[in-house]
Amino acid sequence: MSRWQGTTPALSVVIPAFNAASTIETALASALAQTVEEVEVLVVDDGSRDATAEIVRTWRERDTRIRLLTHPDGLNHGVAASRNHAVNAAKGSVVGFLDADDEWLPHAVERFLKTAEAHPDAAVIYGQAHEVAPAGSRIIGRGAPGATFDLFSQLARFNVIVTSATAARRHTLPPQPFPEGLPFQFEDWACWLRLARTRRFAYIPEPLARYHVRESSATGLVACQNLELDVVTAEGMWLRQLLCNAAPSEQHAITSGLRFRAGEAIRFGARALRRGHLGRSLRWLRGALLIARTPRDLGAAFLEASRGHRRAVHGVDPDLVIRPGP
């Protein structure tokens, strides 16, 4: 098949890249080697200090489907601002998200587009991913196949969406879909949660991407620097802000999410205590108090912690089932 030379792509691939010289070629190759050729690939060089931009320009000379974008001031603005910049520049009716250190499987675009066609009411389409980490590999991503569904209650508790295995209809996204300035790069979860307040999701029950966990990645840095408590606390504070203007139908889900995070803090605090780390245990318990705030929510958090051993392998409560909505 000849390479597509059209002007309107079926899907726009968004790749934020910061100092990604060692991985960007693999990401580009996977985005271009799809079973559907009608794609454009938007790489946002986020103020890289290595050869990222030069590598992308070289690939652009060989394949005009690639577009290299930069921020107006050429500086580093973070992954959220980079994704937002690319979404606003995209031409495709569907936008797919791929991180510069991940890769798509060859059928990803085809699956995104077929699912979008089959479910016109779905704003976001996501699938599974092979998580590749130093400790081993596993399949991540969870949903209800076969119909679109409301994901708000689940996302308030735990993020089951892998961004590098996700696409969205461009017209359903606000001008700045990914909140900027959040700590620890949980802007993807915040984006999906905000969309889930009014939009429906569709799930593809098969791997679409390889999600790499490296020491230099955001996930790897959190683990290496023992920042898990900071992440859980920051997510809790963001949920608190969301609760301030939540509709009555959303308040229960958000409160459940706060209790879930406080329960996780209690569970990790207890584990640290069992290992003899008293200082770390006390920090986790203080974090639980900060998240829960009220005696009622703190009591519910202790119940959540007691159920922690029953968490599913993906970190999701096994008796919390994602069901299609009406």
Protein backbone atom coordinates (compact mmCIF):
# COMPACT_ATOMS: atom_id res chain seq x y z
CA MET A 1 0.00 0.00 0.00
CA SER A 2 1.33 3.45 -0.88
CA ARG A 3 1.91 5.95 1.87
CA TRP A 4 -1.05 8.22 2.52
CA GLN A 5 -0.57 11.75 1.16
CA GLY A 6 -3.92 13.31 2.07
CA THR A 7 -4.57 16.51 4.00
CA THR A 8 -7.17 15.40 6.57
CA PRO A 9 -5.97 12.56 8.79
CA ALA A 10 -8.35 10.05 10.33
CA LEU A 11 -6.41 10.28 13.60
CA SER A 12 -3.86 12.67 15.06
CA VAL A 13 -1.17 11.15 17.27
CA VAL A 14 -0.04 13.43 20.12
CA ILE A 15 3.48 12.80 21.46
CA PRO A 16 4.88 15.17 24.13
CA ALA A 17 8.66 14.84 24.23
CA PHE A 18 11.19 16.16 26.72
CA ASN A 19 14.79 14.92 26.47
CA ALA A 20 13.46 11.84 24.70
CA ALA A 21 16.35 11.21 22.30
CA SER A 22 16.81 7.65 23.54
CA THR A 23 13.17 6.61 23.02
CA ILE A 24 11.49 8.92 20.50
CA GLU A 25 12.44 6.85 17.46
CA THR A 26 10.70 3.77 18.83
CA ALA A 27 7.57 5.82 19.55
CA LEU A 28 7.61 7.39 16.08
CA ALA A 29 8.16 4.07 14.35
CA SER A 30 5.21 2.52 16.19
CA ALA A 31 2.90 5.44 15.34
CA LEU A 32 3.81 5.34 11.66
CA ALA A 33 3.76 1.54 11.23
CA GLN A 34 0.01 1.26 11.75
CA THR A 35 -2.44 -0.81 9.71
CA VAL A 36 -4.21 2.50 9.00
CA GLU A 37 -1.95 5.02 7.24
CA GLU A 38 -4.22 8.07 7.48
CA VAL A 39 -2.51 9.53 10.52
CA GLU A 40 -0.58 12.64 11.40
CA VAL A 41 2.00 12.51 14.18
CA LEU A 42 2.41 15.68 16.24
CA VAL A 43 5.55 15.71 18.35
CA VAL A 44 5.80 18.59 20.82
CA ASP A 45 9.43 19.24 21.74
CA ASP A 46 9.00 20.47 25.30
CA GLY A 47 12.24 22.46 25.58
CA SER A 48 14.50 19.42 25.23
CA ARG A 49 18.21 19.88 25.86
CA ASP A 50 19.22 16.76 23.94
CA ALA A 51 18.85 15.69 20.30
CA THR A 52 15.10 15.08 20.42
CA ALA A 53 14.20 17.84 17.94
CA GLU A 54 16.99 16.89 15.53
CA ILE A 55 15.87 13.26 15.50
CA VAL A 56 12.26 14.26 14.80
CA ARG A 57 13.36 16.57 11.96
CA THR A 58 15.31 13.70 10.40
CA TRP A 59 12.26 11.47 10.54
CA ARG A 60 10.14 14.30 9.14
CA GLU A 61 12.34 14.38 6.05
CA ARG A 62 11.47 10.74 5.42
CA ASP A 63 7.78 10.90 6.33
CA THR A 64 5.73 14.07 5.94
CA ARG A 65 3.01 12.77 8.24
CA ILE A 66 5.19 13.99 11.12
CA ARG A 67 4.83 17.54 12.44
CA LEU A 68 7.27 19.01 14.96
CA LEU A 69 5.79 21.59 17.33
CA THR A 70 7.39 23.72 20.04
CA HIS A 71 6.07 26.12 22.63
CA PRO A 72 6.21 29.77 21.52
CA ASP A 73 9.03 30.58 23.96
CA GLY A 74 10.86 27.31 23.30
CA LEU A 75 10.95 26.48 27.00
CA ASN A 76 9.86 23.45 29.01
CA HIS A 77 6.20 23.69 30.06
CA GLY A 78 5.43 20.10 31.08
CA VAL A 79 3.55 17.22 29.59
CA ALA A 80 0.08 18.72 30.16
CA ALA A 81 0.84 21.94 28.30
CA SER A 82 2.52 19.95 25.52
CA ARG A 83 -0.48 17.68 25.03
CA ASN A 84 -2.81 20.70 25.07
CA HIS A 85 -0.68 22.45 22.45
CA ALA A 86 -0.82 19.43 20.16
CA VAL A 87 -4.56 18.85 20.65
CA ASN A 88 -5.27 22.42 19.56
CA ALA A 89 -3.07 21.96 16.48
CA ALA A 90 -4.50 18.56 15.50
CA LYS A 91 -6.44 18.08 12.28
CA GLY A 92 -7.89 14.62 12.88
CA SER A 93 -11.39 14.13 14.27
CA VAL A 94 -9.89 11.58 16.67
CA VAL A 95 -6.80 12.31 18.78
CA GLY A 96 -4.63 9.49 20.12
CA PHE A 97 -2.16 9.91 22.97
CA LEU A 98 1.28 8.31 23.00
CA ASP A 99 4.11 9.17 25.36
CA ALA A 100 7.59 9.51 23.93
CA ASP A 101 8.90 6.51 25.89
CA ASP A 102 6.00 4.19 25.00
CA GLU A 103 4.93 2.52 21.76
CA TRP A 104 1.74 1.50 19.99
CA LEU A 105 1.02 -1.96 18.69
CA PRO A 106 0.38 -1.99 14.91
CA HIS A 107 -3.42 -2.28 15.17
CA ALA A 108 -3.97 0.53 17.72
CA VAL A 109 -5.27 3.18 15.29
CA GLU A 110 -7.51 0.67 13.52
CA ARG A 111 -9.07 -0.38 16.83
CA PHE A 112 -9.55 3.24 17.95
CA LEU A 113 -11.33 4.20 14.73
CA LYS A 114 -13.52 1.08 14.52
CA THR A 115 -14.60 1.51 18.14
CA ALA A 116 -15.34 5.20 17.58
CA GLU A 117 -17.50 4.27 14.59
CA ALA A 118 -19.31 1.55 16.53
CA HIS A 119 -19.96 3.81 19.54
CA PRO A 120 -20.74 7.35 18.34
CA ASP A 121 -21.66 8.40 21.89
CA ALA A 122 -18.18 7.60 23.22
CA ALA A 123 -15.99 10.63 23.84
CA VAL A 124 -12.99 8.60 25.04
CA ILE A 125 -11.85 5.20 23.76
CA TYR A 126 -9.20 3.28 25.63
CA GLY A 127 -7.72 -0.19 25.76
CA GLN A 128 -5.24 -2.31 27.62
CA ALA A 129 -1.46 -2.01 27.59
CA HIS A 130 1.53 -4.21 28.26
CA GLU A 131 3.26 -2.60 31.23
CA VAL A 132 6.97 -3.28 30.86
CA ALA A 133 8.86 -2.64 34.11
CA PRO A 134 12.13 -3.80 35.69
CA ALA A 135 10.10 -6.08 37.98
CA GLY A 136 8.33 -7.74 35.05
CA SER A 137 5.44 -7.30 32.64
CA ARG A 138 1.68 -7.32 33.13
CA ILE A 139 -1.50 -6.25 31.35
CA ILE A 140 -3.07 -3.03 32.67
CA GLY A 141 -6.24 -1.16 31.81
CA ARG A 142 -9.78 -2.14 32.81
CA GLY A 143 -13.29 -1.39 31.60
CA ALA A 144 -16.63 -2.76 30.45
CA PRO A 145 -16.45 -4.05 26.86
CA GLY A 146 -19.38 -4.07 24.50
CA ALA A 147 -21.06 -0.74 25.30
CA THR A 148 -20.23 2.76 26.39
CA PHE A 149 -20.33 3.44 30.11
CA ASP A 150 -20.08 6.04 32.85
CA LEU A 151 -16.59 5.88 34.38
CA PHE A 152 -16.81 8.72 36.89
CA SER A 153 -17.30 6.63 40.04
CA GLN A 154 -14.41 4.34 39.18
CA LEU A 155 -12.02 7.13 38.21
CA ALA A 156 -12.73 9.01 41.43
CA ARG A 157 -11.29 6.00 43.27
CA PHE A 158 -8.59 4.74 40.93
CA ASN A 159 -7.37 5.49 37.41
CA VAL A 160 -7.88 2.46 35.16
CA ILE A 161 -6.92 4.32 31.95
CA VAL A 162 -3.45 4.06 30.40
CA THR A 163 -2.95 7.31 28.50
CA SER A 164 -0.72 5.72 25.86
CA ALA A 165 -3.59 3.34 25.03
CA THR A 166 -6.23 6.09 24.75
CA ALA A 167 -7.87 8.23 22.09
CA ALA A 168 -10.62 10.87 22.23
CA ARG A 169 -12.93 12.64 19.82
CA ARG A 170 -11.35 16.04 19.36
CA HIS A 171 -14.64 17.97 19.43
CA THR A 172 -15.44 16.59 22.90
CA LEU A 173 -12.23 17.97 24.42
CA PRO A 174 -12.12 21.45 25.98
CA PRO A 175 -9.43 23.88 24.71
CA GLN A 176 -7.12 22.90 27.60
CA PRO A 177 -8.14 19.31 28.37
CA PHE A 178 -5.13 18.46 30.56
CA PRO A 179 -4.91 20.60 33.72
CA GLU A 180 -1.55 22.38 33.83
CA GLY A 181 0.57 22.99 36.89
CA LEU A 182 -0.45 19.85 38.79
CA PRO A 183 2.29 18.07 40.76
CA PHE A 184 3.56 14.62 39.90
CA GLN A 185 1.96 14.55 36.44
CA PHE A 186 -1.45 13.12 37.28
CA GLU A 187 -2.94 15.49 34.73
CA ASP A 188 -4.10 12.57 32.59
CA TRP A 189 -6.24 11.15 35.44
CA ALA A 190 -7.59 14.65 36.12
CA CYS A 191 -8.47 15.05 32.43
CA TRP A 192 -10.36 11.75 32.23
CA LEU A 193 -12.14 12.43 35.51
CA ARG A 194 -13.35 15.84 34.37
CA LEU A 195 -14.54 14.41 31.06
CA ALA A 196 -16.30 11.56 32.86
CA ARG A 197 -18.59 14.07 34.58
CA THR A 198 -20.53 14.51 31.32
CA ARG A 199 -19.09 12.07 28.77
CA ARG A 200 -19.18 8.34 28.14
CA PHE A 201 -16.28 5.96 27.55
CA ALA A 202 -15.69 2.90 25.38
CA TYR A 203 -13.25 0.12 26.25
CA ILE A 204 -11.21 -2.15 23.98
CA PRO A 205 -10.38 -5.37 25.88
CA GLU A 206 -7.03 -6.01 24.25
CA PRO A 207 -3.52 -4.51 24.45
CA LEU A 208 -2.95 -1.53 22.17
CA ALA A 209 0.37 -0.25 23.54
CA ARG A 210 3.52 -1.03 25.44
CA TYR A 211 3.81 1.19 28.51
CA HIS A 212 7.40 1.37 29.71
CA VAL A 213 8.21 2.07 33.36
CA ARG A 214 11.77 3.35 33.61
CA GLU A 215 13.69 4.98 36.44
CA SER A 216 13.68 8.22 34.42
CA SER A 217 9.91 8.16 33.80
CA ALA A 218 7.44 9.96 36.05
CA THR A 219 6.21 6.66 37.49
CA GLY A 220 9.75 5.45 38.06
CA LEU A 221 10.84 8.69 39.73
CA VAL A 222 7.93 8.57 42.16
CA ALA A 223 8.90 5.04 43.24
CA CYS A 224 12.64 5.74 43.40
CA GLN A 225 12.23 8.88 45.48
CA ASN A 226 9.54 7.47 47.80
CA LEU A 227 7.04 10.10 46.71
CA GLU A 228 3.97 7.85 46.76
CA LEU A 229 2.55 9.65 49.80
CA ASP A 230 2.99 13.02 48.10
CA VAL A 231 1.15 11.76 45.02
CA VAL A 232 -1.75 10.27 47.02
CA THR A 233 -2.05 13.47 49.08
CA ALA A 234 -1.94 15.72 46.00
CA GLU A 235 -4.64 13.64 44.31
CA GLY A 236 -6.73 13.91 47.45
CA MET A 237 -6.38 17.69 47.51
CA TRP A 238 -7.42 17.87 43.87
CA LEU A 239 -10.49 15.76 44.61
CA ARG A 240 -11.30 18.14 47.48
CA GLN A 241 -11.32 21.03 45.00
CA LEU A 242 -13.56 19.04 42.66
CA LEU A 243 -15.94 18.33 45.53
CA CYS A 244 -16.48 22.07 46.13
CA ASN A 245 -18.52 22.48 42.94
CA ALA A 246 -19.68 18.90 42.42
CA ALA A 247 -23.26 18.05 41.62
CA PRO A 248 -25.14 16.03 44.26
CA SER A 249 -24.90 12.96 42.01
CA GLU A 250 -21.08 13.29 41.97
CA GLN A 251 -20.47 13.96 45.65
CA HIS A 252 -20.80 10.33 46.77
CA ALA A 253 -18.27 9.16 44.16
CA ILE A 254 -15.76 11.88 45.09
CA THR A 255 -16.16 11.18 48.82
CA SER A 256 -15.59 7.50 48.09
CA GLY A 257 -12.43 8.44 46.21
CA LEU A 258 -11.15 10.46 49.17
CA ARG A 259 -11.82 7.59 51.55
CA PHE A 260 -10.09 5.20 49.17
CA ARG A 261 -6.93 7.34 49.12
CA ALA A 262 -6.96 7.87 52.87
CA GLY A 263 -7.38 4.12 53.28
CA GLU A 264 -4.39 3.50 51.04
CA ALA A 265 -2.34 5.90 53.19
CA ILE A 266 -3.38 4.01 56.33
CA ARG A 267 -2.55 0.68 54.71
CA PHE A 268 0.90 1.83 53.62
CA GLY A 269 1.48 3.36 57.05
CA ALA A 270 0.68 0.04 58.70
CA ARG A 271 3.01 -1.77 56.34
CA ALA A 272 5.82 0.66 57.13
CA LEU A 273 5.22 0.14 60.85
CA ARG A 274 5.43 -3.63 60.46
CA ARG A 275 8.79 -3.15 58.78
CA GLY A 276 10.04 -1.01 61.65
CA HIS A 277 9.89 2.36 59.84
CA LEU A 278 8.12 4.41 62.51
CA GLY A 279 8.84 7.81 60.96
CA ARG A 280 7.56 6.77 57.54
CA SER A 281 4.49 5.17 59.16
CA LEU A 282 3.64 8.40 60.98
CA ARG A 283 3.99 10.39 57.74
CA TRP A 284 1.51 8.08 56.01
CA LEU A 285 -0.95 8.38 58.89
CA ARG A 286 -0.66 12.19 58.86
CA GLY A 287 -1.37 12.03 55.14
CA ALA A 288 -4.48 9.95 55.80
CA LEU A 289 -5.71 12.58 58.28
CA LEU A 290 -5.05 15.37 55.77
CA ILE A 291 -7.04 13.57 53.07
CA ALA A 292 -9.93 12.33 55.23
CA ARG A 293 -10.33 15.44 57.44
CA THR A 294 -13.55 14.33 59.21
CA PRO A 295 -13.88 11.53 61.81
CA ARG A 296 -16.56 9.89 59.68
CA ASP A 297 -14.36 9.79 56.58
CA LEU A 298 -11.38 8.64 58.63
CA GLY A 299 -13.42 5.74 60.02
CA ALA A 300 -14.48 4.81 56.50
CA ALA A 301 -10.82 5.02 55.45
CA PHE A 302 -9.87 2.45 58.10
CA LEU A 303 -12.49 0.11 56.62
CA GLU A 304 -10.97 0.72 53.19
CA ALA A 305 -7.53 -0.10 54.57
CA SER A 306 -8.77 -3.38 56.06
CA ARG A 307 -9.95 -4.41 52.61
CA GLY A 308 -6.63 -3.50 51.00
CA HIS A 309 -5.45 -7.10 50.72
CA ARG A 310 -8.37 -7.75 48.38
CA ARG A 311 -7.29 -5.20 45.83
CA ALA A 312 -7.09 -6.64 42.34
CA VAL A 313 -3.73 -6.99 40.64
CA HIS A 314 -4.23 -3.64 38.87
CA GLY A 315 -4.87 -1.89 42.18
CA VAL A 316 -8.64 -1.85 41.64
CA ASP A 317 -11.12 -3.04 44.23
CA PRO A 318 -12.24 -6.50 43.02
CA ASP A 319 -15.87 -5.93 44.01
CA LEU A 320 -16.01 -2.56 42.24
CA VAL A 321 -17.37 -3.61 38.87
CA ILE A 322 -17.49 -1.26 35.89
CA ARG A 323 -20.89 -1.77 34.32
CA PRO A 324 -22.31 -0.26 31.13
CA GLY A 325 -24.78 2.50 31.77
CA PRO A 326 -28.24 2.78 30.21
